[in-house]
Amino acid sequence: MLVWDNYTHHVDAAMRELIAARSRLTVFRFPSYTPDLNPAESV
């Protein structure tokens, strides 16, 4: 399982190839900016 945050540096071609090569991998993609999922964002 991969929880992917969609950060700009994490969506490059190398990452897409890595995911494509692993058919058993389940990917959960977050929106690129989710302050509600990061409690430290309000600090």
PDB file of N, CA and C in Angstrom:
ATOM      1  N   MET A   1       0.837  -1.157   0.000  1.00  0.00           N
ATOM      2  CA  MET A   1       0.000   0.000   0.000  1.00  0.00           C
ATOM      3  C   MET A   1       0.896   1.237   0.000  1.00  0.00           C
ATOM      4  N   LEU A   2       0.506   2.186  -0.805  1.00  0.00           N
ATOM      5  CA  LEU A   2       1.222   3.463  -0.895  1.00  0.00           C
ATOM      6  C   LEU A   2       0.218   4.584  -0.672  1.00  0.00           C
ATOM      7  N   VAL A   3       0.496   5.442   0.291  1.00  0.00           N
ATOM      8  CA  VAL A   3      -0.305   6.641   0.499  1.00  0.00           C
ATOM      9  C   VAL A   3       0.503   7.773  -0.104  1.00  0.00           C
ATOM     10  N   TRP A   4       0.014   8.279  -1.228  1.00  0.00           N
ATOM     11  CA  TRP A   4       0.766   9.224  -2.047  1.00  0.00           C
ATOM     12  C   TRP A   4       0.200  10.617  -1.847  1.00  0.00           C
ATOM     13  N   ASP A   5       1.059  11.547  -1.473  1.00  0.00           N
ATOM     14  CA  ASP A   5       0.587  12.888  -1.155  1.00  0.00           C
ATOM     15  C   ASP A   5       0.495  13.821  -2.355  1.00  0.00           C
ATOM     16  N   ASN A   6       0.896  13.384  -3.512  1.00  0.00           N
ATOM     17  CA  ASN A   6       0.772  14.190  -4.740  1.00  0.00           C
ATOM     18  C   ASN A   6       1.592  15.463  -4.722  1.00  0.00           C
ATOM     19  N   TYR A   7       2.570  15.538  -3.823  1.00  0.00           N
ATOM     20  CA  TYR A   7       3.474  16.683  -3.788  1.00  0.00           C
ATOM     21  C   TYR A   7       4.200  16.760  -5.138  1.00  0.00           C
ATOM     22  N   THR A   8       4.455  17.945  -5.618  1.00  0.00           N
ATOM     23  CA  THR A   8       5.028  18.155  -6.951  1.00  0.00           C
ATOM     24  C   THR A   8       6.266  17.301  -7.210  1.00  0.00           C
ATOM     25  N   HIS A   9       7.139  17.191  -6.229  1.00  0.00           N
ATOM     26  CA  HIS A   9       8.373  16.419  -6.418  1.00  0.00           C
ATOM     27  C   HIS A   9       8.137  14.915  -6.414  1.00  0.00           C
ATOM     28  N   HIS A  10       6.957  14.488  -5.987  1.00  0.00           N
ATOM     29  CA  HIS A  10       6.675  13.061  -5.899  1.00  0.00           C
ATOM     30  C   HIS A  10       5.904  12.524  -7.102  1.00  0.00           C
ATOM     31  N   VAL A  11       5.558  13.346  -8.052  1.00  0.00           N
ATOM     32  CA  VAL A  11       4.763  12.884  -9.193  1.00  0.00           C
ATOM     33  C   VAL A  11       5.580  12.842 -10.485  1.00  0.00           C
ATOM     34  N   ASP A  12       6.881  12.687 -10.359  1.00  0.00           N
ATOM     35  CA  ASP A  12       7.725  12.670 -11.550  1.00  0.00           C
ATOM     36  C   ASP A  12       7.639  11.316 -12.259  1.00  0.00           C
ATOM     37  N   ALA A  13       8.273  11.206 -13.401  1.00  0.00           N
ATOM     38  CA  ALA A  13       8.218  10.003 -14.235  1.00  0.00           C
ATOM     39  C   ALA A  13       8.771   8.779 -13.515  1.00  0.00           C
ATOM     40  N   ALA A  14       9.820   8.944 -12.721  1.00  0.00           N
ATOM     41  CA  ALA A  14      10.405   7.804 -12.006  1.00  0.00           C
ATOM     42  C   ALA A  14       9.401   7.199 -11.029  1.00  0.00           C
ATOM     43  N   MET A  15       8.649   8.032 -10.344  1.00  0.00           N
ATOM     44  CA  MET A  15       7.655   7.529  -9.400  1.00  0.00           C
ATOM     45  C   MET A  15       6.515   6.829 -10.127  1.00  0.00           C
ATOM     46  N   ARG A  16       6.066   7.389 -11.238  1.00  0.00           N
ATOM     47  CA  ARG A  16       4.998   6.745 -12.022  1.00  0.00           C
ATOM     48  C   ARG A  16       5.456   5.399 -12.554  1.00  0.00           C
ATOM     49  N   GLU A  17       6.705   5.288 -12.984  1.00  0.00           N
ATOM     50  CA  GLU A  17       7.238   4.011 -13.475  1.00  0.00           C
ATOM     51  C   GLU A  17       7.327   2.995 -12.345  1.00  0.00           C
ATOM     52  N   LEU A  18       7.761   3.423 -11.185  1.00  0.00           N
ATOM     53  CA  LEU A  18       7.855   2.534 -10.032  1.00  0.00           C
ATOM     54  C   LEU A  18       6.479   1.960  -9.685  1.00  0.00           C
ATOM     55  N   ILE A  19       5.465   2.790  -9.682  1.00  0.00           N
ATOM     56  CA  ILE A  19       4.108   2.337  -9.374  1.00  0.00           C
ATOM     57  C   ILE A  19       3.588   1.399 -10.469  1.00  0.00           C
ATOM     58  N   ALA A  20       3.816   1.750 -11.727  1.00  0.00           N
ATOM     59  CA  ALA A  20       3.343   0.931 -12.843  1.00  0.00           C
ATOM     60  C   ALA A  20       3.986  -0.454 -12.854  1.00  0.00           C
ATOM     61  N   ALA A  21       5.206  -0.561 -12.381  1.00  0.00           N
ATOM     62  CA  ALA A  21       5.916  -1.846 -12.383  1.00  0.00           C
ATOM     63  C   ALA A  21       5.441  -2.779 -11.276  1.00  0.00           C
ATOM     64  N   ARG A  22       4.636  -2.281 -10.357  1.00  0.00           N
ATOM     65  CA  ARG A  22       4.165  -3.092  -9.230  1.00  0.00           C
ATOM     66  C   ARG A  22       2.646  -3.180  -9.267  1.00  0.00           C
ATOM     67  N   SER A  23       2.142  -4.171  -9.979  1.00  0.00           N
ATOM     68  CA  SER A  23       0.698  -4.295 -10.184  1.00  0.00           C
ATOM     69  C   SER A  23      -0.062  -4.592  -8.885  1.00  0.00           C
ATOM     70  N   ARG A  24       0.603  -5.177  -7.899  1.00  0.00           N
ATOM     71  CA  ARG A  24      -0.071  -5.512  -6.643  1.00  0.00           C
ATOM     72  C   ARG A  24      -0.140  -4.327  -5.687  1.00  0.00           C
ATOM     73  N   LEU A  25       0.471  -3.229  -6.047  1.00  0.00           N
ATOM     74  CA  LEU A  25       0.513  -2.057  -5.188  1.00  0.00           C
ATOM     75  C   LEU A  25      -0.818  -1.303  -5.252  1.00  0.00           C
ATOM     76  N   THR A  26      -1.381  -1.041  -4.088  1.00  0.00           N
ATOM     77  CA  THR A  26      -2.590  -0.238  -3.997  1.00  0.00           C
ATOM     78  C   THR A  26      -2.173   1.182  -3.655  1.00  0.00           C
ATOM     79  N   VAL A  27      -2.631   2.136  -4.447  1.00  0.00           N
ATOM     80  CA  VAL A  27      -2.224   3.529  -4.274  1.00  0.00           C
ATOM     81  C   VAL A  27      -3.428   4.360  -3.842  1.00  0.00           C
ATOM     82  N   PHE A  28      -3.262   5.070  -2.731  1.00  0.00           N
ATOM     83  CA  PHE A  28      -4.248   6.033  -2.268  1.00  0.00           C
ATOM     84  C   PHE A  28      -3.632   7.408  -2.465  1.00  0.00           C
ATOM     85  N   ARG A  29      -4.258   8.226  -3.303  1.00  0.00           N
ATOM     86  CA  ARG A  29      -3.700   9.534  -3.622  1.00  0.00           C
ATOM     87  C   ARG A  29      -4.454  10.636  -2.887  1.00  0.00           C
ATOM     88  N   PHE A  30      -3.677  11.476  -2.194  1.00  0.00           N
ATOM     89  CA  PHE A  30      -4.233  12.649  -1.538  1.00  0.00           C
ATOM     90  C   PHE A  30      -4.174  13.819  -2.506  1.00  0.00           C
ATOM     91  N   PRO A  31      -5.011  14.823  -2.300  1.00  0.00           N
ATOM     92  CA  PRO A  31      -4.862  16.057  -3.066  1.00  0.00           C
ATOM     93  C   PRO A  31      -3.503  16.678  -2.757  1.00  0.00           C
ATOM     94  N   SER A  32      -3.035  17.568  -3.612  1.00  0.00           N
ATOM     95  CA  SER A  32      -1.708  18.132  -3.420  1.00  0.00           C
ATOM     96  C   SER A  32      -1.604  19.012  -2.179  1.00  0.00           C
ATOM     97  N   TYR A  33      -2.693  19.580  -1.700  1.00  0.00           N
ATOM     98  CA  TYR A  33      -2.639  20.395  -0.493  1.00  0.00           C
ATOM     99  C   TYR A  33      -3.828  20.038   0.394  1.00  0.00           C
ATOM    100  N   THR A  34      -3.567  19.436   1.554  1.00  0.00           N
ATOM    101  CA  THR A  34      -4.640  19.027   2.460  1.00  0.00           C
ATOM    102  C   THR A  34      -4.293  19.425   3.895  1.00  0.00           C
ATOM    103  N   PRO A  35      -4.435  20.679   4.251  1.00  0.00           N
ATOM    104  CA  PRO A  35      -4.090  21.101   5.606  1.00  0.00           C
ATOM    105  C   PRO A  35      -4.942  20.423   6.673  1.00  0.00           C
ATOM    106  N   ASP A  36      -6.174  20.028   6.321  1.00  0.00           N
ATOM    107  CA  ASP A  36      -7.036  19.363   7.304  1.00  0.00           C
ATOM    108  C   ASP A  36      -6.517  17.976   7.686  1.00  0.00           C
ATOM    109  N   LEU A  37      -5.668  17.371   6.864  1.00  0.00           N
ATOM    110  CA  LEU A  37      -5.083  16.068   7.179  1.00  0.00           C
ATOM    111  C   LEU A  37      -3.756  16.188   7.915  1.00  0.00           C
ATOM    112  N   ASN A  38      -3.296  17.417   8.125  1.00  0.00           N
ATOM    113  CA  ASN A  38      -2.027  17.647   8.799  1.00  0.00           C
ATOM    114  C   ASN A  38      -2.264  18.541  10.011  1.00  0.00           C
ATOM    115  N   PRO A  39      -2.390  17.945  11.218  1.00  0.00           N
ATOM    116  CA  PRO A  39      -2.681  18.759  12.405  1.00  0.00           C
ATOM    117  C   PRO A  39      -1.627  19.814  12.697  1.00  0.00           C
ATOM    118  N   ALA A  40      -0.399  19.602  12.303  1.00  0.00           N
ATOM    119  CA  ALA A  40       0.673  20.570  12.563  1.00  0.00           C
ATOM    120  C   ALA A  40       0.526  21.821  11.702  1.00  0.00           C
ATOM    121  N   GLU A  41      -0.303  21.771  10.696  1.00  0.00           N
ATOM    122  CA  GLU A  41      -0.484  22.918   9.802  1.00  0.00           C
ATOM    123  C   GLU A  41      -1.036  24.134  10.544  1.00  0.00           C
ATOM    124  N   SER A  42      -1.827  23.893  11.588  1.00  0.00           N
ATOM    125  CA  SER A  42      -2.449  24.992  12.328  1.00  0.00           C
ATOM    126  C   SER A  42      -1.541  25.574  13.404  1.00  0.00           C
ATOM    127  N   VAL A  43      -0.423  24.938  13.689  1.00  0.00           N
ATOM    128  CA  VAL A  43       0.456  25.384  14.768  1.00  0.00           C
ATOM    129  C   VAL A  43       1.277  26.584  14.333  1.00  0.00           C
TER     130      VAL A  43
END
